Amino acid sequence: MEHIVTVQGVVTASDDWTPFADFMEPTDAELDAIEQEMPLILADVDLLDAQIITLDRTPTELDTRRIRRARHRVLVERRTLANLTAGGMGGVA
């Protein structure tokens, strides 16, 4: 019988140990892209929250309005992000 083991470095409690290698950290450009997309991410989360609320019940008029507003906000944020991205490329979409 052969034993299957994971291959990994030994973890010790030294001061220089970090949980991730440097190449696993996001770059400044990636962090900037995430920050630029954050309004859209938050709008998507709000839409999901509104939809989750209605999973176990019949949506009320208030729920329907909340979902409609959340969808509208997602579309607005997508448009804004698309315009920012297109503007950064010299107007080429």
Protein backbone atom coordinates (compact mmCIF):
# COMPACT_ATOMS: atom_id res chain seq x y z
CA MET A 1 0.00 0.00 0.00
CA GLU A 2 1.32 3.41 -0.92
CA HIS A 3 0.65 6.41 1.27
CA ILE A 4 -0.48 9.62 -0.34
CA VAL A 5 0.84 12.72 1.38
CA THR A 6 0.79 16.40 0.56
CA VAL A 7 3.98 18.13 -0.37
CA GLN A 8 4.33 21.39 1.50
CA GLY A 9 6.88 23.31 3.46
CA VAL A 10 7.20 22.94 7.18
CA VAL A 11 5.30 25.63 9.06
CA THR A 12 7.17 27.02 12.02
CA ALA A 13 6.50 29.91 14.33
CA SER A 14 9.34 32.06 13.06
CA ASP A 15 9.13 35.82 12.61
CA ASP A 16 9.82 35.67 8.89
CA TRP A 17 7.03 33.22 8.03
CA THR A 18 4.21 34.59 5.89
CA PRO A 19 1.11 32.60 4.91
CA PHE A 20 1.46 33.41 1.19
CA ALA A 21 4.36 33.75 -1.15
CA ASP A 22 4.98 37.17 -2.69
CA PHE A 23 3.68 36.03 -6.08
CA MET A 24 0.32 35.18 -4.48
CA GLU A 25 -0.36 38.72 -3.31
CA PRO A 26 -2.43 40.97 -5.60
CA THR A 27 -0.49 43.59 -7.49
CA ASP A 28 -1.21 47.30 -7.15
CA ALA A 29 -2.90 47.24 -10.56
CA GLU A 30 -5.18 44.39 -9.47
CA LEU A 31 -6.07 46.21 -6.25
CA ASP A 32 -6.85 49.36 -8.26
CA ALA A 33 -9.09 47.33 -10.60
CA ILE A 34 -10.95 45.84 -7.63
CA GLU A 35 -11.40 49.29 -6.12
CA GLN A 36 -12.73 50.61 -9.43
CA GLU A 37 -15.22 47.69 -9.64
CA MET A 38 -16.31 47.94 -5.99
CA PRO A 39 -19.52 49.97 -6.66
CA LEU A 40 -20.66 47.26 -9.10
CA ILE A 41 -19.74 44.50 -6.65
CA LEU A 42 -21.74 46.19 -3.89
CA ALA A 43 -24.70 46.72 -6.23
CA ASP A 44 -24.61 43.00 -7.12
CA VAL A 45 -24.56 42.13 -3.42
CA ASP A 46 -27.60 44.35 -2.80
CA LEU A 47 -29.44 42.65 -5.67
CA LEU A 48 -28.60 39.22 -4.28
CA ASP A 49 -29.78 40.29 -0.83
CA ALA A 50 -33.09 41.48 -2.27
CA GLN A 51 -33.53 38.23 -4.17
CA ILE A 52 -32.57 36.04 -1.21
CA ILE A 53 -35.20 37.71 0.96
CA THR A 54 -37.90 36.48 -1.41
CA LEU A 55 -36.71 32.88 -1.71
CA ASP A 56 -38.94 31.43 0.99
CA ARG A 57 -42.01 33.59 0.54
CA THR A 58 -44.18 35.23 -2.06
CA PRO A 59 -42.65 38.61 -2.93
CA THR A 60 -44.63 41.58 -1.71
CA GLU A 61 -44.94 44.82 -3.63
CA LEU A 62 -42.12 46.23 -1.50
CA ASP A 63 -39.91 43.25 -2.36
CA THR A 64 -40.65 43.71 -6.04
CA ARG A 65 -39.70 47.39 -5.87
CA ARG A 66 -36.54 46.59 -3.91
CA ILE A 67 -35.45 44.05 -6.55
CA ARG A 68 -36.30 46.44 -9.39
CA ARG A 69 -34.28 49.25 -7.77
CA ALA A 70 -31.36 46.89 -7.14
CA ARG A 71 -31.40 45.70 -10.78
CA HIS A 72 -31.47 49.30 -11.94
CA ARG A 73 -28.50 50.15 -9.71
CA VAL A 74 -26.55 47.18 -11.11
CA LEU A 75 -27.22 48.36 -14.65
CA VAL A 76 -26.17 51.91 -13.79
CA GLU A 77 -22.93 50.69 -12.21
CA ARG A 78 -22.21 48.41 -15.18
CA ARG A 79 -22.73 51.32 -17.55
CA THR A 80 -20.51 53.57 -15.46
CA LEU A 81 -17.76 50.96 -15.33
CA ALA A 82 -18.03 50.31 -19.07
CA ASN A 83 -17.74 54.03 -19.77
CA LEU A 84 -14.70 54.31 -17.49
CA THR A 85 -13.07 51.34 -19.15
CA ALA A 86 -13.83 52.57 -22.66
CA GLY A 87 -12.58 56.05 -21.73
CA GLY A 88 -9.30 54.60 -20.49
CA MET A 89 -8.78 52.87 -23.85
CA GLY A 90 -8.96 56.07 -25.86
CA GLY A 91 -12.64 55.79 -26.67
CA VAL A 92 -12.38 52.36 -28.29
CA ALA A 93 -15.00 49.96 -26.97
